[in-house]
Each structure stands twice: as C-alpha cells, then as structure tokens.
C-alpha cells in the first residue's frame, strides 16, 4: 500500500496546545527530512521551589538513535516559550546522558541505542515559569553521507505540568542532618531509572538519603560496624502530614554498617518501611527503619509529627540513614518521583557533593572511615520556607 507523503505533513504552529497543519493556515509544508535522533519527554517536569531560592524543572529527555551509526551530541538548547532557558555543550551533555540500563554517562549514542538525558533547569527568582518546553539539538550522525553528517533537530515539545506541589512537614527532628544525594543532579537518586512492568520509572527522582553529623562533624564515631556509632541511628522518623498509612514492611534484619549488602532483591531494597498516603495521588516513603520499631499499621490515620518508626540500617543500606521520597503511586518502585516542599527548615552549612568524583570520594570516605566532613558554614543560618532541600546541605529541623 502506498501512503501519501501528505499524511505526514509537518505541523506548522502550536496554538493552545494544538498542532495545526500548514494547509489549514494556507502555508507550504516544510520539506521532510531525516531525523536520526528521536526525542521525547515521557514525564513532564513539575516546577518547585528549592533551597537555593530558585524554581527548578527536573526531567529526562529520552533519545533514540534510529540510525546505523554513532550519533554525537554537540549542543542542546532548551527553549521555554520560545526563549532559550539553558544551553548544554558537548561536555555538559556527556555528564548527563546515560544509555538505557547503564549508570554511566556518554557523549555519544551508539547505533540503535536508547538513552536518557537528565536535565535540571533552574529559573531565577521572579522570572516566569514557561508553559512549554522545546528542545533544539545539534548532532553529528556518522551514518549520514559525507558532508551531511552535521545536522540540527528540534523536538520533544512538552507542556510544563503545573500541578500543585505538596508542602509537608519535616521527616526528622533536630540538627546537623545531611540531605545526601538529593535533587537535582545527584546520580544515585535522580538518575535511578528502573524498568518495571513494561516501562521505565524514576521513583527516586527527588529522594533524599538523610544522614546526620555528630558534634565532631563525622557521620559516626566508634566502631564502624556498630549501629550505635552512627549519629542518626535510632532517630524518630516523623509523619510529614496528616495522612493514612498505605502500607508497612517489617521484619528485615539490620545490615552491618560499612558493608554493601548482597543478595538483596529489588522488592526488599527498602528494608523495613512505611508508605503514607498524603492524598491527591501523593505517597511518602520512609525506608531502612529498625526492625520492630514501626508503630503504625496499614489503614491507620497519623498526625503531622507523629513517630512512625526509628531510623535503622535495614534493606539495601550501607550505613544507617533515612531514605525519604514522594511519588505518584503507592509502590516504592513502579511510580514516578514528585517534588515536594518542606514547610520550614534552616540551612546551616554545605558539605562536599556527590556529582563530581573527587567530591564523591570525600563524602564516601567519611562514611567509610569516619573522617569528619569539611563543612562550609552558612553564617548566619538561612531560614528556608516551602522549599526542597538541595543536595548535601546541612539542615536543622524544628518541631512542628
């Protein structure tokens, strides 16, 4: 069967989220051309306020190399309502582009490869939030004829998701907490795409591993293998809102700190956990709690600030910590991470981050050998309201 090229005439104009064909506007359709790199945004970004005072758009640009040769990404421009919001050169793309199933980045997509480009667009205070995003990309496609290998594409037109962001209370109480591997460029959470039930989910897109420094500025003091050596061990995990208990998991043993667990299945990775139903298709997960410490049951109603359990080291955990995330479904894996904003907290310092190898080594060394972290104090402390704590901040929470 012959299909007329007219059936694939390119749309000309976006009006009120509708693409109108050129013929309807009395214009000539642009010439059709090869686009070896297919672009898509599967989960539109949800704007939220962060502890740096800016509004962030965090999302993934899916790329499929639909050609028989390598495609090198040379530049990406993200346009918001027609204005350039962010430009990534080849080096910046290389740090953020991950082929499907890998946890390492690459500047080049091999033939017939699918990948995700992890993006974080920060918008200055007072600047308007765009209604839609468009992506313009410069590439070099080795499968194209000589002299035609450098080309540009535009695509993945996306309407920004303006849903209301949940404003919640703190999951912990006290001071010197580290928002480890938090948004927006941390590799371990923000890029943790998992293939479950026929699609890729990123439940941990905005997850935080809450750790705590002791008075000496170390994550632990004493024997590394002893749970009680860690400042955060035994801290009460608190309900972040009036909510219903969706599910709990209990009975998982504590791990030995300092050793990566083995033979932990994905469904057991959270260890002992509580999932709260916050309403409006939002769910809060508390993972790695102490066995036998959970004080609630499925179906219970809890109040803001109520103790749910105690921070432990169960499941896929190398040191005691509280893994916290908010998702759009009751599963800790087959759901998408949603941003949230904590009602009030103080930022008292910053510690080495987890986006560069040298900084990662410094933080991991503190977990490994108890070395005090180099803290950059924030003086005076910044009181932050209605924002998500960014990666590697030192946070103090007051009682609700």
Foldseek 3Di string as FASTA:
>chain_A
DDDDCVVVFDFDDQDPNDTHRVVVVVHDGDDDDDDQKDKAWPDFFEWFFAPVRWIKTKGKIKIWRADQAKKFWAKKFKDFVRHTQDIDGLVRQQLFKDWPPDLHGGRMDGHGTMIIGIDMGIGHPPDDDGQKIKMKTWMATPRDDPPPRTDMDIDHIGGHDHDDFAAWADQFAFFQKWQAQADDQRSPQLVPWDDDPHDTARLRNGKTWIAGADPVQFQFDDDQQDQVRGPQFFTFGWGGAFFFWAAWDADFAADGAQDFDPPFDPVCQQPTKTWTPPDPQKIKIKGQFHHPFADDHGGDTDHGGDGGGGFGHGHRGRGTTIMMFMFRHRDSGPTYTDDHWYAKKWFFWFFQHRSDPVSVVQVVVSSNPVDRTDTGTDPPIDMDGGHRYGHGTTIHHHGD
